[in-house]
Amino acid sequence: MFAGKTEALIARAFSVRHRRVLKPTTDTRNGGSSHLLSHGGLSIAAEWVDPDLERLPNATTIFIDEAQFLTAAAVERVRRLQPTTNITLAGLDLTAQGRPFGNMAEFLCLADEVIKLTGGCATCGRPSTRTRCKIVQTDVVMIGGAEAYEPLCQTCFSQ
């Protein structure tokens, strides 16, 4: 978290003329806004999509944020669309427990290109590749931002 994934997705989407920007209905942050909003303040209009990607819009280029919330059915839809549709996904690869998040491992295997962004570790400042939950967490999925999570490097995460 806090590595600039949404900001990078928005920047890429702005560079494409005919595109559809989507976000799963699972992402309830930002008061249910129909825009993607980065922590840095960038924003772009987006459409809601179910986590199974059952009703994908017809487009040659699709951008999807928070891909960790997508289901196994969505992986199969992306696999079938790949030959004719340019699909860019952004999401967390690991949970706050350090385990693969949802179906991200499957999406990573399908990718032609993977860009892994890092933020700064909240403890030591080194590049962060992990996320720590700052509050008591009962489920793997807990929607939140800086009030609930902080970025950590692998060393600080392991301590």
N, C-alpha and C. Protein backbone atom coordinates (compact mmCIF):
# COMPACT_ATOMS: atom_id res chain seq x y z
N MET A 1 0.83 -1.18 0.00
CA MET A 1 0.00 0.00 0.00
C MET A 1 0.88 1.25 0.00
N PHE A 2 0.32 2.32 -0.48
CA PHE A 2 0.97 3.62 -0.49
C PHE A 2 2.23 3.63 -1.36
N ALA A 3 2.19 2.85 -2.45
CA ALA A 3 3.31 2.81 -3.39
C ALA A 3 2.99 3.56 -4.68
N GLY A 4 1.77 4.03 -4.84
CA GLY A 4 1.40 4.77 -6.04
C GLY A 4 0.76 3.93 -7.13
N LYS A 5 0.19 2.77 -6.77
CA LYS A 5 -0.43 1.89 -7.78
C LYS A 5 -1.60 2.56 -8.50
N THR A 6 -2.50 3.14 -7.74
CA THR A 6 -3.67 3.79 -8.35
C THR A 6 -3.24 5.01 -9.16
N GLU A 7 -2.29 5.77 -8.65
CA GLU A 7 -1.79 6.94 -9.37
C GLU A 7 -1.16 6.53 -10.71
N ALA A 8 -0.38 5.45 -10.71
CA ALA A 8 0.23 4.95 -11.95
C ALA A 8 -0.84 4.46 -12.92
N LEU A 9 -1.86 3.79 -12.41
CA LEU A 9 -2.95 3.30 -13.26
C LEU A 9 -3.69 4.48 -13.89
N ILE A 10 -3.97 5.50 -13.11
CA ILE A 10 -4.67 6.69 -13.62
C ILE A 10 -3.81 7.37 -14.69
N ALA A 11 -2.52 7.51 -14.44
CA ALA A 11 -1.62 8.16 -15.41
C ALA A 11 -1.61 7.38 -16.73
N ARG A 12 -1.54 6.05 -16.65
CA ARG A 12 -1.58 5.23 -17.87
C ARG A 12 -2.92 5.39 -18.59
N ALA A 13 -3.99 5.39 -17.82
CA ALA A 13 -5.33 5.52 -18.43
C ALA A 13 -5.49 6.86 -19.14
N PHE A 14 -4.97 7.93 -18.56
CA PHE A 14 -5.05 9.24 -19.21
C PHE A 14 -4.34 9.26 -20.55
N SER A 15 -3.34 8.39 -20.74
CA SER A 15 -2.58 8.39 -21.98
C SER A 15 -3.27 7.60 -23.11
N VAL A 16 -4.40 6.96 -22.81
CA VAL A 16 -5.12 6.15 -23.79
C VAL A 16 -6.45 6.83 -24.10
N ARG A 17 -6.72 7.01 -25.37
CA ARG A 17 -7.92 7.75 -25.76
C ARG A 17 -9.22 6.97 -25.55
N HIS A 18 -9.33 5.79 -26.10
CA HIS A 18 -10.56 5.00 -25.98
C HIS A 18 -10.33 3.91 -24.95
N ARG A 19 -10.79 4.17 -23.75
CA ARG A 19 -10.53 3.27 -22.64
C ARG A 19 -11.75 3.19 -21.73
N ARG A 20 -11.76 2.16 -20.91
CA ARG A 20 -12.75 2.04 -19.85
C ARG A 20 -11.97 1.83 -18.56
N VAL A 21 -12.28 2.58 -17.54
CA VAL A 21 -11.64 2.47 -16.23
C VAL A 21 -12.68 1.89 -15.28
N LEU A 22 -12.28 0.82 -14.59
CA LEU A 22 -13.22 0.08 -13.75
C LEU A 22 -12.68 -0.08 -12.33
N LYS A 23 -13.61 -0.23 -11.40
CA LYS A 23 -13.23 -0.58 -10.04
C LYS A 23 -14.29 -1.52 -9.48
N PRO A 24 -13.85 -2.53 -8.73
CA PRO A 24 -14.80 -3.52 -8.21
C PRO A 24 -15.72 -2.91 -7.15
N THR A 25 -16.93 -3.39 -7.12
CA THR A 25 -17.91 -2.91 -6.14
C THR A 25 -17.46 -3.18 -4.71
N THR A 26 -16.49 -4.04 -4.53
CA THR A 26 -15.95 -4.36 -3.21
C THR A 26 -15.22 -3.17 -2.60
N ASP A 27 -14.66 -2.29 -3.44
CA ASP A 27 -13.89 -1.14 -2.97
C ASP A 27 -14.86 -0.03 -2.56
N THR A 28 -15.14 0.04 -1.28
CA THR A 28 -16.15 0.98 -0.78
C THR A 28 -15.54 2.28 -0.24
N ARG A 29 -14.26 2.50 -0.47
CA ARG A 29 -13.64 3.74 0.02
C ARG A 29 -14.14 4.94 -0.77
N ASN A 30 -13.79 6.11 -0.33
CA ASN A 30 -14.12 7.37 -1.00
C ASN A 30 -15.63 7.60 -1.10
N GLY A 31 -16.37 7.11 -0.12
CA GLY A 31 -17.80 7.38 -0.04
C GLY A 31 -18.62 6.88 -1.20
N GLY A 32 -18.17 5.82 -1.86
CA GLY A 32 -18.92 5.27 -2.98
C GLY A 32 -18.81 6.09 -4.25
N SER A 33 -17.78 6.94 -4.34
CA SER A 33 -17.58 7.76 -5.53
C SER A 33 -17.36 6.90 -6.76
N SER A 34 -17.83 7.37 -7.90
CA SER A 34 -17.62 6.65 -9.16
C SER A 34 -16.31 7.06 -9.82
N HIS A 35 -15.40 7.64 -9.07
CA HIS A 35 -14.07 8.00 -9.56
C HIS A 35 -13.02 7.18 -8.84
N LEU A 36 -11.92 6.89 -9.57
CA LEU A 36 -10.74 6.39 -8.89
C LEU A 36 -10.04 7.61 -8.33
N LEU A 37 -9.59 7.52 -7.10
CA LEU A 37 -8.90 8.63 -6.46
C LEU A 37 -7.63 8.10 -5.83
N SER A 38 -6.49 8.66 -6.21
CA SER A 38 -5.21 8.21 -5.66
C SER A 38 -4.94 8.96 -4.36
N HIS A 39 -4.04 8.41 -3.54
CA HIS A 39 -3.63 9.09 -2.31
C HIS A 39 -2.98 10.42 -2.63
N GLY A 40 -2.38 10.54 -3.83
CA GLY A 40 -1.74 11.78 -4.25
C GLY A 40 -2.69 12.81 -4.82
N GLY A 41 -3.98 12.46 -4.94
CA GLY A 41 -4.98 13.43 -5.39
C GLY A 41 -5.39 13.32 -6.85
N LEU A 42 -4.79 12.42 -7.64
CA LEU A 42 -5.24 12.23 -9.02
C LEU A 42 -6.60 11.54 -9.02
N SER A 43 -7.41 11.87 -10.02
CA SER A 43 -8.75 11.31 -10.11
C SER A 43 -9.12 11.07 -11.56
N ILE A 44 -9.90 10.02 -11.79
CA ILE A 44 -10.41 9.73 -13.12
C ILE A 44 -11.77 9.04 -12.98
N ALA A 45 -12.68 9.35 -13.89
CA ALA A 45 -14.00 8.72 -13.86
C ALA A 45 -13.84 7.21 -14.04
N ALA A 46 -14.62 6.45 -13.29
CA ALA A 46 -14.55 4.99 -13.35
C ALA A 46 -15.95 4.41 -13.27
N GLU A 47 -16.07 3.19 -13.75
CA GLU A 47 -17.33 2.47 -13.69
C GLU A 47 -17.20 1.35 -12.67
N TRP A 48 -18.29 1.06 -11.98
CA TRP A 48 -18.31 -0.06 -11.05
C TRP A 48 -18.40 -1.36 -11.83
N VAL A 49 -17.74 -2.40 -11.34
CA VAL A 49 -17.80 -3.71 -11.97
C VAL A 49 -17.89 -4.75 -10.86
N ASP A 50 -18.66 -5.80 -11.10
CA ASP A 50 -18.77 -6.86 -10.10
C ASP A 50 -17.45 -7.63 -10.04
N PRO A 51 -17.10 -8.20 -8.89
CA PRO A 51 -15.81 -8.89 -8.74
C PRO A 51 -15.62 -10.10 -9.65
N ASP A 52 -16.69 -10.62 -10.25
CA ASP A 52 -16.57 -11.72 -11.22
C ASP A 52 -16.32 -11.22 -12.63
N LEU A 53 -16.40 -9.91 -12.83
CA LEU A 53 -16.27 -9.29 -14.17
C LEU A 53 -17.30 -9.85 -15.15
N GLU A 54 -18.49 -10.12 -14.66
CA GLU A 54 -19.55 -10.69 -15.52
C GLU A 54 -19.99 -9.72 -16.61
N ARG A 55 -20.09 -8.46 -16.29
CA ARG A 55 -20.61 -7.48 -17.25
C ARG A 55 -19.53 -6.45 -17.62
N LEU A 56 -18.48 -6.94 -18.23
CA LEU A 56 -17.42 -6.03 -18.66
C LEU A 56 -17.89 -5.20 -19.85
N PRO A 57 -17.55 -3.92 -19.86
CA PRO A 57 -17.90 -3.11 -21.02
C PRO A 57 -17.11 -3.55 -22.24
N ASN A 58 -17.67 -3.30 -23.39
CA ASN A 58 -16.99 -3.62 -24.64
C ASN A 58 -15.94 -2.53 -24.88
N ALA A 59 -14.69 -2.92 -24.86
CA ALA A 59 -13.61 -1.95 -25.05
C ALA A 59 -12.35 -2.69 -25.48
N THR A 60 -11.47 -1.97 -26.18
CA THR A 60 -10.19 -2.58 -26.56
C THR A 60 -9.13 -2.36 -25.48
N THR A 61 -9.36 -1.39 -24.60
CA THR A 61 -8.43 -1.12 -23.51
C THR A 61 -9.22 -0.93 -22.22
N ILE A 62 -8.87 -1.73 -21.22
CA ILE A 62 -9.55 -1.70 -19.93
C ILE A 62 -8.52 -1.56 -18.82
N PHE A 63 -8.79 -0.68 -17.87
CA PHE A 63 -7.97 -0.50 -16.68
C PHE A 63 -8.83 -0.87 -15.47
N ILE A 64 -8.30 -1.71 -14.59
CA ILE A 64 -9.04 -2.13 -13.40
C ILE A 64 -8.17 -1.92 -12.17
N ASP A 65 -8.69 -1.16 -11.20
CA ASP A 65 -7.99 -0.93 -9.95
C ASP A 65 -8.45 -1.94 -8.91
N GLU A 66 -7.66 -2.12 -7.85
CA GLU A 66 -7.96 -3.02 -6.73
C GLU A 66 -8.26 -4.44 -7.20
N ALA A 67 -7.43 -4.94 -8.10
CA ALA A 67 -7.64 -6.27 -8.69
C ALA A 67 -7.56 -7.40 -7.68
N GLN A 68 -7.01 -7.16 -6.50
CA GLN A 68 -6.97 -8.22 -5.49
C GLN A 68 -8.38 -8.63 -5.05
N PHE A 69 -9.37 -7.81 -5.32
CA PHE A 69 -10.75 -8.13 -4.95
C PHE A 69 -11.48 -8.95 -6.02
N LEU A 70 -10.83 -9.21 -7.15
CA LEU A 70 -11.48 -9.96 -8.23
C LEU A 70 -11.43 -11.47 -7.96
N THR A 71 -12.42 -12.18 -8.47
CA THR A 71 -12.58 -13.60 -8.18
C THR A 71 -11.88 -14.49 -9.21
N ALA A 72 -11.93 -15.81 -8.96
CA ALA A 72 -11.39 -16.79 -9.90
C ALA A 72 -12.13 -16.72 -11.24
N ALA A 73 -13.43 -16.43 -11.20
CA ALA A 73 -14.19 -16.27 -12.45
C ALA A 73 -13.64 -15.09 -13.25
N ALA A 74 -13.20 -14.04 -12.57
CA ALA A 74 -12.62 -12.88 -13.25
C ALA A 74 -11.30 -13.26 -13.93
N VAL A 75 -10.52 -14.12 -13.29
CA VAL A 75 -9.26 -14.58 -13.89
C VAL A 75 -9.56 -15.23 -15.23
N GLU A 76 -10.56 -16.07 -15.28
CA GLU A 76 -10.92 -16.76 -16.53
C GLU A 76 -11.42 -15.78 -17.58
N ARG A 77 -12.17 -14.76 -17.18
CA ARG A 77 -12.64 -13.76 -18.14
C ARG A 77 -11.47 -12.97 -18.71
N VAL A 78 -10.53 -12.61 -17.86
CA VAL A 78 -9.35 -11.88 -18.33
C VAL A 78 -8.55 -12.77 -19.29
N ARG A 79 -8.39 -14.04 -18.95
CA ARG A 79 -7.65 -14.97 -19.81
C ARG A 79 -8.29 -15.04 -21.20
N ARG A 80 -9.63 -15.10 -21.26
CA ARG A 80 -10.32 -15.19 -22.55
C ARG A 80 -10.24 -13.88 -23.35
N LEU A 81 -10.21 -12.75 -22.66
CA LEU A 81 -10.17 -11.45 -23.33
C LEU A 81 -8.78 -11.05 -23.81
N GLN A 82 -7.75 -11.62 -23.24
CA GLN A 82 -6.38 -11.18 -23.53
C GLN A 82 -6.03 -11.09 -25.02
N PRO A 83 -6.44 -12.01 -25.86
CA PRO A 83 -6.02 -11.88 -27.27
C PRO A 83 -6.57 -10.64 -27.98
N THR A 84 -7.69 -10.08 -27.49
CA THR A 84 -8.32 -8.96 -28.21
C THR A 84 -8.42 -7.68 -27.39
N THR A 85 -8.08 -7.74 -26.11
CA THR A 85 -8.27 -6.59 -25.22
C THR A 85 -7.00 -6.34 -24.43
N ASN A 86 -6.58 -5.08 -24.38
CA ASN A 86 -5.44 -4.69 -23.57
C ASN A 86 -5.97 -4.41 -22.17
N ILE A 87 -5.57 -5.23 -21.19
CA ILE A 87 -6.08 -5.11 -19.83
C ILE A 87 -4.93 -4.77 -18.89
N THR A 88 -5.09 -3.69 -18.14
CA THR A 88 -4.11 -3.29 -17.13
C THR A 88 -4.77 -3.39 -15.77
N LEU A 89 -4.13 -4.12 -14.86
CA LEU A 89 -4.65 -4.31 -13.51
C LEU A 89 -3.70 -3.66 -12.51
N ALA A 90 -4.25 -3.11 -11.46
CA ALA A 90 -3.44 -2.62 -10.34
C ALA A 90 -4.03 -3.22 -9.07
N GLY A 91 -3.17 -3.67 -8.18
CA GLY A 91 -3.66 -4.22 -6.93
C GLY A 91 -2.54 -4.68 -6.03
N LEU A 92 -2.91 -5.07 -4.84
CA LEU A 92 -1.95 -5.59 -3.86
C LEU A 92 -1.67 -7.05 -4.15
N ASP A 93 -0.40 -7.42 -4.12
CA ASP A 93 -0.06 -8.83 -4.34
C ASP A 93 -0.06 -9.64 -3.05
N LEU A 94 0.09 -8.97 -1.90
CA LEU A 94 0.16 -9.67 -0.62
C LEU A 94 -0.83 -9.09 0.38
N THR A 95 -1.34 -9.94 1.25
CA THR A 95 -2.21 -9.50 2.35
C THR A 95 -1.33 -8.92 3.46
N ALA A 96 -1.97 -8.38 4.48
CA ALA A 96 -1.24 -7.87 5.64
C ALA A 96 -0.58 -9.01 6.42
N GLN A 97 -0.97 -10.25 6.12
CA GLN A 97 -0.34 -11.42 6.74
C GLN A 97 0.86 -11.92 5.91
N GLY A 98 1.12 -11.28 4.78
CA GLY A 98 2.24 -11.66 3.92
C GLY A 98 1.95 -12.83 3.01
N ARG A 99 0.69 -13.12 2.78
CA ARG A 99 0.27 -14.23 1.91
C ARG A 99 -0.25 -13.66 0.58
N PRO A 100 -0.23 -14.45 -0.51
CA PRO A 100 -0.80 -13.97 -1.77
C PRO A 100 -2.24 -13.49 -1.57
N PHE A 101 -2.56 -12.35 -2.15
CA PHE A 101 -3.86 -11.72 -1.97
C PHE A 101 -4.82 -12.16 -3.06
N GLY A 102 -5.88 -12.84 -2.66
CA GLY A 102 -6.91 -13.24 -3.61
C GLY A 102 -6.33 -13.99 -4.80
N ASN A 103 -6.68 -13.56 -5.97
CA ASN A 103 -6.24 -14.20 -7.21
C ASN A 103 -5.11 -13.45 -7.90
N MET A 104 -4.41 -12.59 -7.15
CA MET A 104 -3.35 -11.80 -7.76
C MET A 104 -2.23 -12.68 -8.33
N ALA A 105 -1.92 -13.79 -7.69
CA ALA A 105 -0.87 -14.67 -8.22
C ALA A 105 -1.26 -15.16 -9.61
N GLU A 106 -2.53 -15.50 -9.80
CA GLU A 106 -3.02 -15.93 -11.12
C GLU A 106 -2.89 -14.80 -12.14
N PHE A 107 -3.30 -13.61 -11.75
CA PHE A 107 -3.20 -12.47 -12.66
C PHE A 107 -1.75 -12.18 -13.02
N LEU A 108 -0.84 -12.29 -12.05
CA LEU A 108 0.57 -12.05 -12.33
C LEU A 108 1.11 -13.05 -13.35
N CYS A 109 0.65 -14.29 -13.27
CA CYS A 109 1.08 -15.30 -14.24
C CYS A 109 0.56 -15.03 -15.64
N LEU A 110 -0.57 -14.37 -15.77
CA LEU A 110 -1.15 -14.04 -17.08
C LEU A 110 -0.51 -12.81 -17.71
N ALA A 111 0.14 -11.99 -16.91
CA ALA A 111 0.63 -10.70 -17.36
C ALA A 111 1.76 -10.80 -18.37
N ASP A 112 1.74 -9.91 -19.35
CA ASP A 112 2.86 -9.74 -20.27
C ASP A 112 3.95 -8.90 -19.61
N GLU A 113 3.55 -8.05 -18.69
CA GLU A 113 4.48 -7.17 -17.99
C GLU A 113 3.99 -6.99 -16.57
N VAL A 114 4.92 -7.01 -15.61
CA VAL A 114 4.60 -6.77 -14.20
C VAL A 114 5.49 -5.64 -13.71
N ILE A 115 4.87 -4.64 -13.14
CA ILE A 115 5.61 -3.53 -12.54
C ILE A 115 5.25 -3.53 -11.06
N LYS A 116 6.23 -3.80 -10.22
CA LYS A 116 5.99 -3.84 -8.79
C LYS A 116 6.51 -2.55 -8.18
N LEU A 117 5.58 -1.72 -7.73
CA LEU A 117 5.93 -0.44 -7.14
C LEU A 117 6.19 -0.60 -5.65
N THR A 118 7.04 0.26 -5.10
CA THR A 118 7.27 0.26 -3.67
C THR A 118 7.08 1.66 -3.13
N GLY A 119 6.67 1.72 -1.90
CA GLY A 119 6.59 2.99 -1.19
C GLY A 119 7.78 3.09 -0.27
N GLY A 120 7.62 3.83 0.82
CA GLY A 120 8.68 3.94 1.82
C GLY A 120 8.23 3.29 3.11
N CYS A 121 9.09 2.50 3.70
CA CYS A 121 8.78 1.82 4.95
C CYS A 121 8.48 2.86 6.03
N ALA A 122 7.36 2.68 6.74
CA ALA A 122 6.96 3.61 7.79
C ALA A 122 7.91 3.58 8.97
N THR A 123 8.70 2.52 9.10
CA THR A 123 9.61 2.39 10.23
C THR A 123 11.02 2.88 9.91
N CYS A 124 11.60 2.41 8.79
CA CYS A 124 13.01 2.73 8.51
C CYS A 124 13.23 3.53 7.23
N GLY A 125 12.21 3.65 6.38
CA GLY A 125 12.34 4.44 5.16
C GLY A 125 12.81 3.68 3.93
N ARG A 126 13.24 2.42 4.09
CA ARG A 126 13.65 1.63 2.92
C ARG A 126 12.43 1.33 2.05
N PRO A 127 12.64 0.83 0.82
CA PRO A 127 11.50 0.49 -0.04
C PRO A 127 10.56 -0.52 0.65
N SER A 128 9.28 -0.23 0.60
CA SER A 128 8.29 -1.10 1.25
C SER A 128 7.67 -2.05 0.24
N THR A 129 7.62 -3.31 0.62
CA THR A 129 6.98 -4.34 -0.21
C THR A 129 5.91 -5.08 0.56
N ARG A 130 5.66 -4.68 1.79
CA ARG A 130 4.70 -5.34 2.66
C ARG A 130 3.78 -4.31 3.28
N THR A 131 2.66 -4.80 3.86
CA THR A 131 1.70 -3.94 4.52
C THR A 131 1.40 -4.51 5.90
N ARG A 132 1.38 -3.64 6.91
CA ARG A 132 1.00 -4.08 8.26
C ARG A 132 -0.33 -3.42 8.62
N CYS A 133 -1.21 -4.23 9.18
CA CYS A 133 -2.48 -3.71 9.69
C CYS A 133 -2.23 -3.14 11.08
N LYS A 134 -2.62 -1.90 11.30
CA LYS A 134 -2.36 -1.22 12.56
C LYS A 134 -3.45 -1.45 13.60
N ILE A 135 -4.57 -2.05 13.20
CA ILE A 135 -5.66 -2.28 14.13
C ILE A 135 -5.99 -3.77 14.15
N VAL A 136 -6.76 -4.20 15.13
CA VAL A 136 -7.13 -5.61 15.22
C VAL A 136 -7.95 -5.98 14.00
N GLN A 137 -7.52 -7.04 13.33
CA GLN A 137 -8.14 -7.45 12.07
C GLN A 137 -8.67 -8.88 12.22
N THR A 138 -9.95 -9.06 11.92
CA THR A 138 -10.53 -10.40 12.02
C THR A 138 -10.65 -11.09 10.67
N ASP A 139 -10.66 -10.33 9.59
CA ASP A 139 -10.77 -10.89 8.24
C ASP A 139 -9.54 -10.53 7.43
N VAL A 140 -9.28 -11.33 6.38
CA VAL A 140 -8.18 -11.00 5.47
C VAL A 140 -8.47 -9.70 4.76
N VAL A 141 -9.72 -9.51 4.32
CA VAL A 141 -10.10 -8.30 3.61
C VAL A 141 -10.73 -7.32 4.58
N MET A 142 -10.07 -6.19 4.74
CA MET A 142 -10.60 -5.10 5.54
C MET A 142 -10.30 -3.83 4.76
N ILE A 143 -11.32 -3.20 4.26
CA ILE A 143 -11.15 -1.99 3.44
C ILE A 143 -10.67 -0.86 4.34
N GLY A 144 -9.59 -0.21 3.94
CA GLY A 144 -9.09 0.89 4.74
C GLY A 144 -7.92 1.57 4.07
N GLY A 145 -7.47 2.64 4.68
CA GLY A 145 -6.35 3.42 4.18
C GLY A 145 -5.31 3.60 5.27
N ALA A 146 -4.77 4.82 5.36
CA ALA A 146 -3.68 5.10 6.30
C ALA A 146 -4.10 4.92 7.75
N GLU A 147 -5.40 5.02 8.03
CA GLU A 147 -5.86 4.83 9.40
C GLU A 147 -5.74 3.37 9.84
N ALA A 148 -5.68 2.45 8.88
CA ALA A 148 -5.68 1.02 9.20
C ALA A 148 -4.39 0.30 8.80
N TYR A 149 -3.66 0.84 7.83
CA TYR A 149 -2.50 0.13 7.29
C TYR A 149 -1.28 1.04 7.19
N GLU A 150 -0.10 0.41 7.21
CA GLU A 150 1.13 1.15 6.96
C GLU A 150 2.08 0.29 6.13
N PRO A 151 2.86 0.93 5.26
CA PRO A 151 3.81 0.19 4.42
C PRO A 151 5.08 -0.15 5.20
N LEU A 152 5.62 -1.35 4.97
CA LEU A 152 6.85 -1.77 5.63
C LEU A 152 7.78 -2.46 4.64
N CYS A 153 9.07 -2.41 4.90
CA CYS A 153 10.03 -3.21 4.14
C CYS A 153 9.93 -4.64 4.68
N GLN A 154 10.54 -5.56 3.99
CA GLN A 154 10.46 -6.96 4.42
C GLN A 154 11.11 -7.18 5.78
N THR A 155 12.19 -6.48 6.08
CA THR A 155 12.87 -6.63 7.36
C THR A 155 11.98 -6.18 8.51
N CYS A 156 11.41 -4.99 8.41
CA CYS A 156 10.55 -4.48 9.49
C CYS A 156 9.26 -5.28 9.61
N PHE A 157 8.75 -5.79 8.50
CA PHE A 157 7.55 -6.61 8.53
C PHE A 157 7.82 -7.90 9.29
N SER A 158 9.03 -8.45 9.17
CA SER A 158 9.36 -9.73 9.79
C SER A 158 9.66 -9.61 11.29
N GLN A 159 9.87 -8.40 11.79
CA GLN A 159 10.21 -8.21 13.21
C GLN A 159 9.01 -8.23 14.10
